[in-house]
Amino acid sequence: METISYDDFAKLDLRIAKILEVEEIPNADKLFKLTIDVGELGKRTICAGIKQHYKKDDLIGKEIVIVANLEPRILKGVESQGMLLAAVSEDHKKILLLKPEKAIAPGTKIQ
């Protein structure tokens, strides 16, 4: 395992976000388009490769952990403005979203 410096870790802006909408992306077997609320940072769109593990209706209203300052990237024609964090089994058969233990306001910074 490669280590990073504290300064590198400190560059990450990890935040709580609430999933507001979940949409299909044409021709994407694994990706959902999520509209999320990141509090003071506003609403954002992210793409997440969780389609095979979650139903759309089960995601709406969930609080998740995101990397808020990730450089935007185009995935299947959709600009993804962050990345959600999830635990993934070695065989990729299980994906579990990271979420706060209790309800907390969207946009809350993780330290």
N, C-alpha and C. Protein backbone atom coordinates (compact mmCIF):
# COMPACT_ATOMS: atom_id res chain seq x y z
N MET A 1 0.84 -1.17 0.00
CA MET A 1 0.00 0.00 0.00
C MET A 1 0.90 1.24 0.00
N GLU A 2 0.60 2.14 -0.90
CA GLU A 2 1.34 3.40 -0.99
C GLU A 2 0.79 4.38 0.04
N THR A 3 1.67 5.09 0.72
CA THR A 3 1.22 6.09 1.69
C THR A 3 1.26 7.48 1.06
N ILE A 4 0.47 8.38 1.61
CA ILE A 4 0.47 9.77 1.17
C ILE A 4 0.76 10.65 2.37
N SER A 5 1.15 11.86 2.12
CA SER A 5 1.44 12.79 3.21
C SER A 5 0.14 13.36 3.76
N TYR A 6 0.20 13.89 4.96
CA TYR A 6 -0.96 14.55 5.54
C TYR A 6 -1.39 15.72 4.65
N ASP A 7 -0.43 16.43 4.08
CA ASP A 7 -0.75 17.56 3.21
C ASP A 7 -1.58 17.11 2.00
N ASP A 8 -1.25 15.94 1.45
CA ASP A 8 -2.05 15.42 0.34
C ASP A 8 -3.46 15.09 0.81
N PHE A 9 -3.59 14.43 1.95
CA PHE A 9 -4.91 14.09 2.49
C PHE A 9 -5.73 15.35 2.77
N ALA A 10 -5.08 16.38 3.30
CA ALA A 10 -5.78 17.62 3.66
C ALA A 10 -6.37 18.33 2.44
N LYS A 11 -5.91 17.99 1.25
CA LYS A 11 -6.45 18.60 0.04
C LYS A 11 -7.86 18.11 -0.27
N LEU A 12 -8.24 16.95 0.25
CA LEU A 12 -9.57 16.40 0.00
C LEU A 12 -10.62 17.19 0.75
N ASP A 13 -11.69 17.54 0.07
CA ASP A 13 -12.84 18.19 0.70
C ASP A 13 -13.97 17.17 0.74
N LEU A 14 -14.06 16.44 1.86
CA LEU A 14 -15.08 15.42 2.04
C LEU A 14 -16.29 16.06 2.71
N ARG A 15 -17.47 15.80 2.13
CA ARG A 15 -18.70 16.42 2.63
C ARG A 15 -19.84 15.41 2.66
N ILE A 16 -20.83 15.73 3.49
CA ILE A 16 -22.09 15.00 3.49
C ILE A 16 -22.96 15.59 2.39
N ALA A 17 -23.62 14.71 1.64
CA ALA A 17 -24.56 15.15 0.61
C ALA A 17 -25.82 14.31 0.73
N LYS A 18 -26.93 14.89 0.30
CA LYS A 18 -28.21 14.18 0.31
C LYS A 18 -28.64 13.96 -1.13
N ILE A 19 -29.01 12.73 -1.46
CA ILE A 19 -29.44 12.40 -2.81
C ILE A 19 -30.87 12.89 -3.02
N LEU A 20 -31.05 13.76 -4.02
CA LEU A 20 -32.37 14.34 -4.31
C LEU A 20 -33.07 13.62 -5.47
N GLU A 21 -32.31 13.28 -6.50
CA GLU A 21 -32.86 12.63 -7.69
C GLU A 21 -31.89 11.58 -8.21
N VAL A 22 -32.46 10.54 -8.82
CA VAL A 22 -31.66 9.49 -9.43
C VAL A 22 -32.22 9.26 -10.83
N GLU A 23 -31.35 9.31 -11.84
CA GLU A 23 -31.77 9.14 -13.22
C GLU A 23 -30.93 8.09 -13.92
N GLU A 24 -31.56 7.44 -14.89
CA GLU A 24 -30.84 6.52 -15.77
C GLU A 24 -29.97 7.35 -16.72
N ILE A 25 -28.85 6.78 -17.14
CA ILE A 25 -28.00 7.38 -18.16
C ILE A 25 -28.08 6.45 -19.37
N PRO A 26 -28.49 6.96 -20.53
CA PRO A 26 -28.59 6.11 -21.72
C PRO A 26 -27.27 5.37 -21.99
N ASN A 27 -27.39 4.09 -22.32
CA ASN A 27 -26.25 3.24 -22.66
C ASN A 27 -25.25 3.05 -21.52
N ALA A 28 -25.70 3.20 -20.29
CA ALA A 28 -24.82 2.99 -19.14
C ALA A 28 -25.36 1.85 -18.28
N ASP A 29 -24.64 0.74 -18.25
CA ASP A 29 -25.07 -0.42 -17.48
C ASP A 29 -24.83 -0.28 -15.98
N LYS A 30 -23.82 0.51 -15.63
CA LYS A 30 -23.43 0.60 -14.22
C LYS A 30 -23.72 1.95 -13.58
N LEU A 31 -23.85 2.99 -14.39
CA LEU A 31 -23.92 4.36 -13.85
C LEU A 31 -25.35 4.87 -13.64
N PHE A 32 -25.53 5.57 -12.53
CA PHE A 32 -26.70 6.41 -12.29
C PHE A 32 -26.23 7.86 -12.31
N LYS A 33 -27.10 8.75 -12.71
CA LYS A 33 -26.87 10.19 -12.59
C LYS A 33 -27.61 10.62 -11.32
N LEU A 34 -26.88 11.17 -10.36
CA LEU A 34 -27.45 11.60 -9.09
C LEU A 34 -27.43 13.11 -8.99
N THR A 35 -28.55 13.69 -8.60
CA THR A 35 -28.58 15.11 -8.23
C THR A 35 -28.52 15.13 -6.72
N ILE A 36 -27.54 15.85 -6.19
CA ILE A 36 -27.31 15.85 -4.75
C ILE A 36 -27.34 17.27 -4.19
N ASP A 37 -27.68 17.37 -2.92
CA ASP A 37 -27.65 18.63 -2.18
C ASP A 37 -26.39 18.61 -1.32
N VAL A 38 -25.52 19.60 -1.53
CA VAL A 38 -24.28 19.69 -0.76
C VAL A 38 -24.31 20.96 0.10
N GLY A 39 -25.48 21.29 0.62
CA GLY A 39 -25.61 22.43 1.52
C GLY A 39 -25.17 23.73 0.88
N GLU A 40 -24.26 24.45 1.53
CA GLU A 40 -23.80 25.76 1.05
C GLU A 40 -23.12 25.68 -0.31
N LEU A 41 -22.66 24.49 -0.71
CA LEU A 41 -22.04 24.32 -2.03
C LEU A 41 -23.09 24.15 -3.12
N GLY A 42 -24.35 24.03 -2.74
CA GLY A 42 -25.45 23.95 -3.69
C GLY A 42 -25.74 22.54 -4.19
N LYS A 43 -26.54 22.49 -5.25
CA LYS A 43 -26.87 21.21 -5.87
C LYS A 43 -25.79 20.86 -6.89
N ARG A 44 -25.52 19.58 -7.01
CA ARG A 44 -24.52 19.09 -7.95
C ARG A 44 -25.01 17.82 -8.60
N THR A 45 -24.37 17.49 -9.69
CA THR A 45 -24.62 16.23 -10.38
C THR A 45 -23.37 15.37 -10.26
N ILE A 46 -23.56 14.12 -9.87
CA ILE A 46 -22.46 13.17 -9.88
C ILE A 46 -22.93 11.89 -10.57
N CYS A 47 -22.00 11.19 -11.17
CA CYS A 47 -22.28 9.88 -11.75
C CYS A 47 -21.69 8.84 -10.81
N ALA A 48 -22.44 7.78 -10.58
CA ALA A 48 -21.97 6.75 -9.65
C ALA A 48 -22.22 5.37 -10.24
N GLY A 49 -21.22 4.53 -10.18
CA GLY A 49 -21.30 3.17 -10.71
C GLY A 49 -21.92 2.20 -9.72
N ILE A 50 -23.15 2.49 -9.32
CA ILE A 50 -23.83 1.69 -8.29
C ILE A 50 -25.14 1.09 -8.78
N LYS A 51 -25.42 1.21 -10.05
CA LYS A 51 -26.70 0.81 -10.62
C LYS A 51 -27.02 -0.67 -10.38
N GLN A 52 -26.02 -1.52 -10.39
CA GLN A 52 -26.24 -2.94 -10.20
C GLN A 52 -26.42 -3.33 -8.74
N HIS A 53 -26.28 -2.35 -7.83
CA HIS A 53 -26.33 -2.65 -6.40
C HIS A 53 -27.45 -1.93 -5.66
N TYR A 54 -28.02 -0.91 -6.28
CA TYR A 54 -29.07 -0.11 -5.63
C TYR A 54 -30.20 0.17 -6.61
N LYS A 55 -31.41 0.23 -6.09
CA LYS A 55 -32.57 0.66 -6.88
C LYS A 55 -32.69 2.17 -6.74
N LYS A 56 -33.18 2.81 -7.80
CA LYS A 56 -33.32 4.27 -7.79
C LYS A 56 -34.10 4.75 -6.57
N ASP A 57 -35.24 4.15 -6.31
CA ASP A 57 -36.10 4.61 -5.21
C ASP A 57 -35.45 4.44 -3.84
N ASP A 58 -34.55 3.46 -3.71
CA ASP A 58 -33.87 3.25 -2.43
C ASP A 58 -32.79 4.30 -2.16
N LEU A 59 -32.36 5.01 -3.20
CA LEU A 59 -31.30 6.00 -3.03
C LEU A 59 -31.82 7.40 -2.68
N ILE A 60 -33.02 7.72 -3.11
CA ILE A 60 -33.56 9.07 -2.89
C ILE A 60 -33.69 9.33 -1.39
N GLY A 61 -33.11 10.46 -0.95
CA GLY A 61 -33.15 10.84 0.45
C GLY A 61 -31.98 10.34 1.27
N LYS A 62 -31.17 9.45 0.72
CA LYS A 62 -30.00 8.94 1.46
C LYS A 62 -28.94 10.01 1.61
N GLU A 63 -28.29 10.01 2.77
CA GLU A 63 -27.12 10.84 2.99
C GLU A 63 -25.90 10.01 2.64
N ILE A 64 -24.97 10.63 1.93
CA ILE A 64 -23.75 9.94 1.50
C ILE A 64 -22.55 10.83 1.78
N VAL A 65 -21.38 10.26 1.61
CA VAL A 65 -20.12 11.00 1.73
C VAL A 65 -19.57 11.18 0.32
N ILE A 66 -19.17 12.41 -0.01
CA ILE A 66 -18.61 12.70 -1.33
C ILE A 66 -17.28 13.41 -1.23
N VAL A 67 -16.50 13.30 -2.30
CA VAL A 67 -15.32 14.14 -2.49
C VAL A 67 -15.83 15.34 -3.29
N ALA A 68 -15.91 16.49 -2.63
CA ALA A 68 -16.53 17.67 -3.23
C ALA A 68 -15.60 18.45 -4.15
N ASN A 69 -14.29 18.30 -3.98
CA ASN A 69 -13.36 19.10 -4.78
C ASN A 69 -12.63 18.29 -5.85
N LEU A 70 -13.25 17.20 -6.28
CA LEU A 70 -12.68 16.42 -7.37
C LEU A 70 -12.91 17.16 -8.69
N GLU A 71 -11.91 17.18 -9.53
CA GLU A 71 -12.03 17.83 -10.83
C GLU A 71 -13.20 17.20 -11.61
N PRO A 72 -14.10 18.02 -12.17
CA PRO A 72 -15.23 17.47 -12.94
C PRO A 72 -14.74 16.60 -14.10
N ARG A 73 -15.57 15.60 -14.44
CA ARG A 73 -15.21 14.66 -15.50
C ARG A 73 -16.47 14.27 -16.25
N ILE A 74 -16.38 14.12 -17.55
CA ILE A 74 -17.52 13.72 -18.37
C ILE A 74 -17.57 12.19 -18.42
N LEU A 75 -18.71 11.63 -17.99
CA LEU A 75 -18.93 10.19 -18.03
C LEU A 75 -20.22 9.93 -18.80
N LYS A 76 -20.14 9.22 -19.91
CA LYS A 76 -21.31 8.91 -20.74
C LYS A 76 -22.09 10.18 -21.10
N GLY A 77 -21.37 11.28 -21.34
CA GLY A 77 -22.00 12.52 -21.75
C GLY A 77 -22.53 13.38 -20.61
N VAL A 78 -22.32 12.96 -19.37
CA VAL A 78 -22.79 13.71 -18.19
C VAL A 78 -21.59 14.21 -17.40
N GLU A 79 -21.61 15.51 -17.04
CA GLU A 79 -20.52 16.04 -16.22
C GLU A 79 -20.73 15.63 -14.77
N SER A 80 -19.78 14.88 -14.24
CA SER A 80 -19.81 14.46 -12.84
C SER A 80 -18.98 15.43 -12.03
N GLN A 81 -19.60 16.03 -11.01
CA GLN A 81 -18.97 17.10 -10.23
C GLN A 81 -18.61 16.64 -8.83
N GLY A 82 -18.05 15.48 -8.74
CA GLY A 82 -17.65 14.91 -7.45
C GLY A 82 -17.69 13.41 -7.53
N MET A 83 -17.46 12.76 -6.38
CA MET A 83 -17.47 11.30 -6.34
C MET A 83 -17.99 10.86 -4.98
N LEU A 84 -18.90 9.89 -5.00
CA LEU A 84 -19.35 9.36 -3.71
C LEU A 84 -18.35 8.32 -3.25
N LEU A 85 -18.33 8.08 -1.95
CA LEU A 85 -17.42 7.08 -1.38
C LEU A 85 -18.22 5.84 -1.00
N ALA A 86 -17.65 4.68 -1.28
CA ALA A 86 -18.30 3.41 -0.99
C ALA A 86 -17.25 2.37 -0.64
N ALA A 87 -17.67 1.39 0.15
CA ALA A 87 -16.83 0.23 0.42
C ALA A 87 -17.14 -0.80 -0.65
N VAL A 88 -16.09 -1.41 -1.20
CA VAL A 88 -16.25 -2.37 -2.29
C VAL A 88 -15.51 -3.65 -1.94
N SER A 89 -16.23 -4.78 -2.03
CA SER A 89 -15.60 -6.06 -1.76
C SER A 89 -14.55 -6.37 -2.83
N GLU A 90 -13.62 -7.25 -2.51
CA GLU A 90 -12.53 -7.58 -3.45
C GLU A 90 -13.05 -8.07 -4.79
N ASP A 91 -14.13 -8.83 -4.77
CA ASP A 91 -14.68 -9.37 -6.01
C ASP A 91 -15.68 -8.42 -6.68
N HIS A 92 -15.87 -7.25 -6.11
CA HIS A 92 -16.78 -6.21 -6.60
C HIS A 92 -18.25 -6.64 -6.62
N LYS A 93 -18.58 -7.65 -5.85
CA LYS A 93 -19.98 -8.11 -5.79
C LYS A 93 -20.79 -7.34 -4.76
N LYS A 94 -20.12 -6.68 -3.84
CA LYS A 94 -20.80 -5.87 -2.84
C LYS A 94 -20.26 -4.45 -2.87
N ILE A 95 -21.18 -3.50 -2.96
CA ILE A 95 -20.82 -2.09 -2.86
C ILE A 95 -21.75 -1.48 -1.82
N LEU A 96 -21.17 -0.88 -0.80
CA LEU A 96 -21.94 -0.26 0.27
C LEU A 96 -21.56 1.21 0.38
N LEU A 97 -22.56 2.07 0.29
CA LEU A 97 -22.32 3.51 0.39
C LEU A 97 -21.89 3.88 1.79
N LEU A 98 -20.91 4.78 1.88
CA LEU A 98 -20.54 5.32 3.19
C LEU A 98 -21.56 6.39 3.55
N LYS A 99 -22.00 6.38 4.79
CA LYS A 99 -23.01 7.34 5.22
C LYS A 99 -22.78 7.70 6.68
N PRO A 100 -23.30 8.86 7.09
CA PRO A 100 -23.12 9.25 8.50
C PRO A 100 -23.93 8.34 9.41
N GLU A 101 -23.46 8.21 10.64
CA GLU A 101 -24.13 7.38 11.65
C GLU A 101 -25.52 7.90 11.98
N LYS A 102 -25.65 9.23 12.01
CA LYS A 102 -26.93 9.88 12.32
C LYS A 102 -27.16 10.98 11.30
N ALA A 103 -28.41 11.45 11.22
CA ALA A 103 -28.73 12.53 10.28
C ALA A 103 -27.91 13.77 10.61
N ILE A 104 -27.43 14.42 9.55
CA ILE A 104 -26.64 15.64 9.69
C ILE A 104 -26.87 16.49 8.44
N ALA A 105 -26.69 17.76 8.54
CA ALA A 105 -27.01 18.68 7.43
C ALA A 105 -26.13 18.43 6.22
N PRO A 106 -26.74 18.47 5.02
CA PRO A 106 -25.95 18.39 3.79
C PRO A 106 -24.90 19.50 3.76
N GLY A 107 -23.74 19.18 3.26
CA GLY A 107 -22.65 20.16 3.20
C GLY A 107 -21.71 20.09 4.39
N THR A 108 -22.10 19.35 5.43
CA THR A 108 -21.23 19.23 6.60
C THR A 108 -19.90 18.66 6.17
N LYS A 109 -18.84 19.30 6.62
CA LYS A 109 -17.48 18.90 6.25
C LYS A 109 -17.02 17.73 7.13
N ILE A 110 -16.34 16.79 6.53
CA ILE A 110 -15.77 15.65 7.26
C ILE A 110 -14.31 15.94 7.50
N GLN A 111 -13.89 15.78 8.74
CA GLN A 111 -12.50 16.08 9.11
C GLN A 111 -11.84 14.88 9.74
